[in-house]
Amino acid sequence: MPSNIQKITFGNGCFWCTEAIFQSLKGVISVTSGYMGGHVDNPTYKQVCTGTTGHAEVIELEYDADILSLDELLLVFFKTHNPTTLNRQGNDVGTQYRSAIFYTTAEQKDAAIAMINTLTNEKVFDSPIVTEVIPAGQFYKAEDYHQNYFNDNPGQSYCAFVIQPKLNKFAKEFTDKIKPELL
């Protein structure tokens, strides 16, 4: 049993896409889709989609920090979505799609800010990074049909035309970080 289990929550667009990417990483133990950062208790997907609850679609990750470092995890986070668009990821528009890191420790906060500064100084993106770095609040697990979405719905058009190309791009850049059984 791993002894250095850490937890962090990311908001980086549609959780169907981000869940599939992070599930494939060596060292990631679990990925749970849900909602965080809002003002309504126990929100539903339908409520969050209105943009009125204040929640972001998020993934809560449990990972083994002895296998996957926080910096590696943050790099995957920043490289697999557009952290420069406010409240938007591709065709998904609204505050629920904002870029956010919900940290649980001071180390996570410091590492996230340091990564943003590094990416900014290295001019990795053409526009300023707008990712929020904020303390984790109450996590609300999304409805069951949102969990493991890509793996359970491979024939769905969104999976084929949106998620699969993102996974292919991710696999090219992070081959050494992917669980060997998925290669």
Protein backbone atom coordinates (compact mmCIF):
# COMPACT_ATOMS: atom_id res chain seq x y z
CA MET A 1 0.00 0.00 0.00
CA PRO A 2 1.45 3.41 -0.97
CA SER A 3 2.44 5.52 2.00
CA ASN A 4 2.72 8.99 0.50
CA ILE A 5 -0.84 9.57 -0.72
CA GLN A 6 -1.68 13.19 -1.52
CA LYS A 7 -4.89 14.83 -2.68
CA ILE A 8 -5.39 17.87 -4.90
CA THR A 9 -8.34 19.21 -6.89
CA PHE A 10 -8.12 20.71 -10.37
CA GLY A 11 -10.63 22.71 -12.37
CA ASN A 12 -9.51 22.64 -15.98
CA GLY A 13 -12.56 22.47 -18.16
CA CYS A 14 -14.99 19.64 -18.71
CA PHE A 15 -14.32 16.92 -16.18
CA TRP A 16 -14.96 14.19 -18.77
CA CYS A 17 -11.80 15.25 -20.61
CA THR A 18 -9.60 15.91 -17.61
CA GLU A 19 -10.62 12.73 -15.81
CA ALA A 20 -9.49 10.60 -18.77
CA ILE A 21 -6.08 12.29 -18.93
CA PHE A 22 -5.29 12.03 -15.22
CA GLN A 23 -6.57 8.45 -14.94
CA SER A 24 -3.81 7.43 -17.35
CA LEU A 25 -0.93 8.81 -15.25
CA LYS A 26 1.41 6.51 -13.35
CA GLY A 27 1.02 7.28 -9.66
CA VAL A 28 -2.59 8.46 -9.84
CA ILE A 29 -4.67 6.25 -7.56
CA SER A 30 -8.12 7.73 -8.10
CA VAL A 31 -9.85 10.49 -10.04
CA THR A 32 -13.30 11.62 -8.98
CA SER A 33 -15.33 14.11 -10.99
CA GLY A 34 -17.24 16.70 -9.03
CA TYR A 35 -17.87 20.33 -8.17
CA MET A 36 -16.04 22.83 -5.97
CA GLY A 37 -15.81 26.54 -5.36
CA GLY A 38 -19.47 27.47 -5.26
CA HIS A 39 -22.09 28.64 -2.80
CA VAL A 40 -24.83 26.00 -3.18
CA ASP A 41 -24.79 22.81 -1.10
CA ASN A 42 -24.98 19.51 -3.00
CA PRO A 43 -25.29 21.02 -6.47
CA THR A 44 -26.44 18.94 -9.41
CA TYR A 45 -24.86 18.91 -12.85
CA LYS A 46 -27.90 20.73 -14.21
CA GLN A 47 -27.51 23.49 -11.60
CA VAL A 48 -23.74 23.83 -12.15
CA CYS A 49 -24.26 24.09 -15.93
CA THR A 50 -26.34 27.24 -15.42
CA GLY A 51 -23.26 29.00 -14.06
CA THR A 52 -25.25 30.38 -11.13
CA THR A 53 -23.94 28.12 -8.33
CA GLY A 54 -20.36 29.40 -8.51
CA HIS A 55 -18.96 25.88 -8.78
CA ALA A 56 -16.28 24.71 -11.18
CA GLU A 57 -16.33 21.28 -12.75
CA VAL A 58 -13.35 19.64 -11.05
CA ILE A 59 -11.47 16.42 -10.62
CA GLU A 60 -10.28 15.38 -7.20
CA LEU A 61 -7.06 13.39 -7.49
CA GLU A 62 -5.44 11.01 -5.09
CA TYR A 63 -1.88 10.24 -6.09
CA ASP A 64 1.25 8.58 -4.78
CA ALA A 65 3.78 11.40 -4.40
CA ASP A 66 6.60 8.82 -4.35
CA ILE A 67 5.75 7.94 -7.98
CA LEU A 68 4.37 11.21 -9.34
CA SER A 69 5.69 14.51 -8.03
CA LEU A 70 3.50 17.53 -7.47
CA ASP A 71 5.51 19.47 -10.08
CA GLU A 72 4.91 16.70 -12.66
CA LEU A 73 1.20 16.73 -11.85
CA LEU A 74 1.05 20.52 -12.17
CA LEU A 75 2.88 20.41 -15.50
CA VAL A 76 0.32 17.93 -16.85
CA PHE A 77 -2.45 20.19 -15.54
CA PHE A 78 -1.09 23.26 -17.33
CA LYS A 79 -0.17 21.46 -20.57
CA THR A 80 -3.53 19.72 -21.03
CA HIS A 81 -5.86 22.70 -20.99
CA ASN A 82 -5.70 26.39 -21.81
CA PRO A 83 -4.94 28.24 -18.56
CA THR A 84 -5.07 31.62 -20.33
CA THR A 85 -8.77 31.73 -21.16
CA LEU A 86 -11.04 33.07 -18.46
CA ASN A 87 -14.09 30.87 -17.87
CA ARG A 88 -13.62 28.96 -21.11
CA GLN A 89 -12.09 25.78 -22.48
CA GLY A 90 -12.65 25.42 -26.20
CA ASN A 91 -16.39 25.43 -26.89
CA ASP A 92 -17.20 25.11 -23.18
CA VAL A 93 -17.97 28.58 -21.83
CA GLY A 94 -18.92 29.62 -18.30
CA THR A 95 -17.47 29.99 -14.83
CA GLN A 96 -17.92 26.25 -14.30
CA TYR A 97 -15.08 25.70 -16.83
CA ARG A 98 -12.59 28.06 -15.18
CA SER A 99 -8.98 27.10 -14.63
CA ALA A 100 -8.36 26.55 -10.91
CA ILE A 101 -6.08 24.71 -8.54
CA PHE A 102 -7.76 23.98 -5.23
CA TYR A 103 -4.90 23.25 -2.85
CA THR A 104 -5.00 21.42 0.47
CA THR A 105 -1.50 22.26 1.75
CA ALA A 106 0.83 25.27 1.77
CA GLU A 107 3.27 23.17 -0.28
CA GLN A 108 0.67 22.74 -3.04
CA LYS A 109 -0.09 26.46 -3.03
CA ASP A 110 3.60 27.40 -3.24
CA ALA A 111 4.27 24.82 -5.97
CA ALA A 112 1.31 26.04 -8.05
CA ILE A 113 2.40 29.68 -7.80
CA ALA A 114 5.99 28.71 -8.62
CA MET A 115 4.84 26.75 -11.68
CA ILE A 116 2.76 29.70 -12.89
CA ASN A 117 5.77 32.00 -12.46
CA THR A 118 8.05 29.57 -14.33
CA LEU A 119 5.63 29.13 -17.23
CA THR A 120 5.12 32.90 -17.38
CA ASN A 121 8.85 33.67 -17.30
CA GLU A 122 9.53 31.04 -19.98
CA LYS A 123 6.70 32.50 -22.10
CA VAL A 124 5.14 29.06 -22.58
CA PHE A 125 1.77 30.67 -23.33
CA ASP A 126 1.07 33.68 -25.55
CA SER A 127 -1.35 35.21 -23.03
CA PRO A 128 -1.25 35.60 -19.23
CA ILE A 129 -2.21 32.59 -17.11
CA VAL A 130 -5.55 33.21 -15.36
CA THR A 131 -5.61 30.03 -13.24
CA GLU A 132 -6.99 30.59 -9.74
CA VAL A 133 -4.92 29.16 -6.90
CA ILE A 134 -7.30 28.89 -3.97
CA PRO A 135 -7.85 26.76 -0.87
CA ALA A 136 -9.92 23.64 -1.41
CA GLY A 137 -13.47 23.95 -0.18
CA GLN A 138 -16.25 21.42 0.05
CA PHE A 139 -16.00 18.82 -2.71
CA TYR A 140 -19.27 17.51 -4.12
CA LYS A 141 -19.01 14.28 -6.08
CA ALA A 142 -20.72 14.49 -9.47
CA GLU A 143 -23.50 12.12 -10.39
CA ASP A 144 -22.45 8.52 -11.05
CA TYR A 145 -22.86 8.76 -14.82
CA HIS A 146 -20.07 11.39 -14.89
CA GLN A 147 -17.55 9.05 -13.22
CA ASN A 148 -15.17 7.16 -15.52
CA TYR A 149 -17.04 8.76 -18.41
CA PHE A 150 -14.58 8.22 -21.26
CA ASN A 151 -13.91 4.58 -20.37
CA ASP A 152 -17.61 3.79 -19.99
CA ASN A 153 -18.72 5.63 -23.16
CA PRO A 154 -16.03 5.13 -25.83
CA GLY A 155 -18.58 5.18 -28.66
CA GLN A 156 -20.14 8.49 -27.63
CA SER A 157 -19.34 11.21 -30.19
CA TYR A 158 -17.91 13.63 -27.58
CA CYS A 159 -15.48 10.93 -26.48
CA ALA A 160 -14.40 10.16 -30.05
CA PHE A 161 -14.12 13.71 -31.35
CA VAL A 162 -13.06 15.72 -28.28
CA ILE A 163 -11.56 13.48 -25.60
CA GLN A 164 -9.66 10.98 -27.76
CA PRO A 165 -7.70 13.67 -29.66
CA LYS A 166 -6.75 15.27 -26.32
CA LEU A 167 -5.58 11.89 -25.04
CA ASN A 168 -3.56 11.31 -28.21
CA LYS A 169 -1.85 14.70 -27.87
CA PHE A 170 -1.21 14.04 -24.18
CA ALA A 171 0.27 10.61 -24.92
CA LYS A 172 2.77 12.07 -27.39
CA GLU A 173 4.11 14.58 -24.87
CA PHE A 174 3.95 12.52 -21.68
CA THR A 175 4.57 8.93 -22.86
CA ASP A 176 6.94 8.22 -19.97
CA LYS A 177 4.26 9.20 -17.42
CA ILE A 178 1.47 6.96 -18.76
CA LYS A 179 0.56 3.74 -17.00
CA PRO A 180 2.29 0.95 -19.00
CA GLU A 181 -0.91 -1.09 -19.39
CA LEU A 182 -2.42 1.81 -21.37
CA LEU A 183 0.39 2.04 -23.94
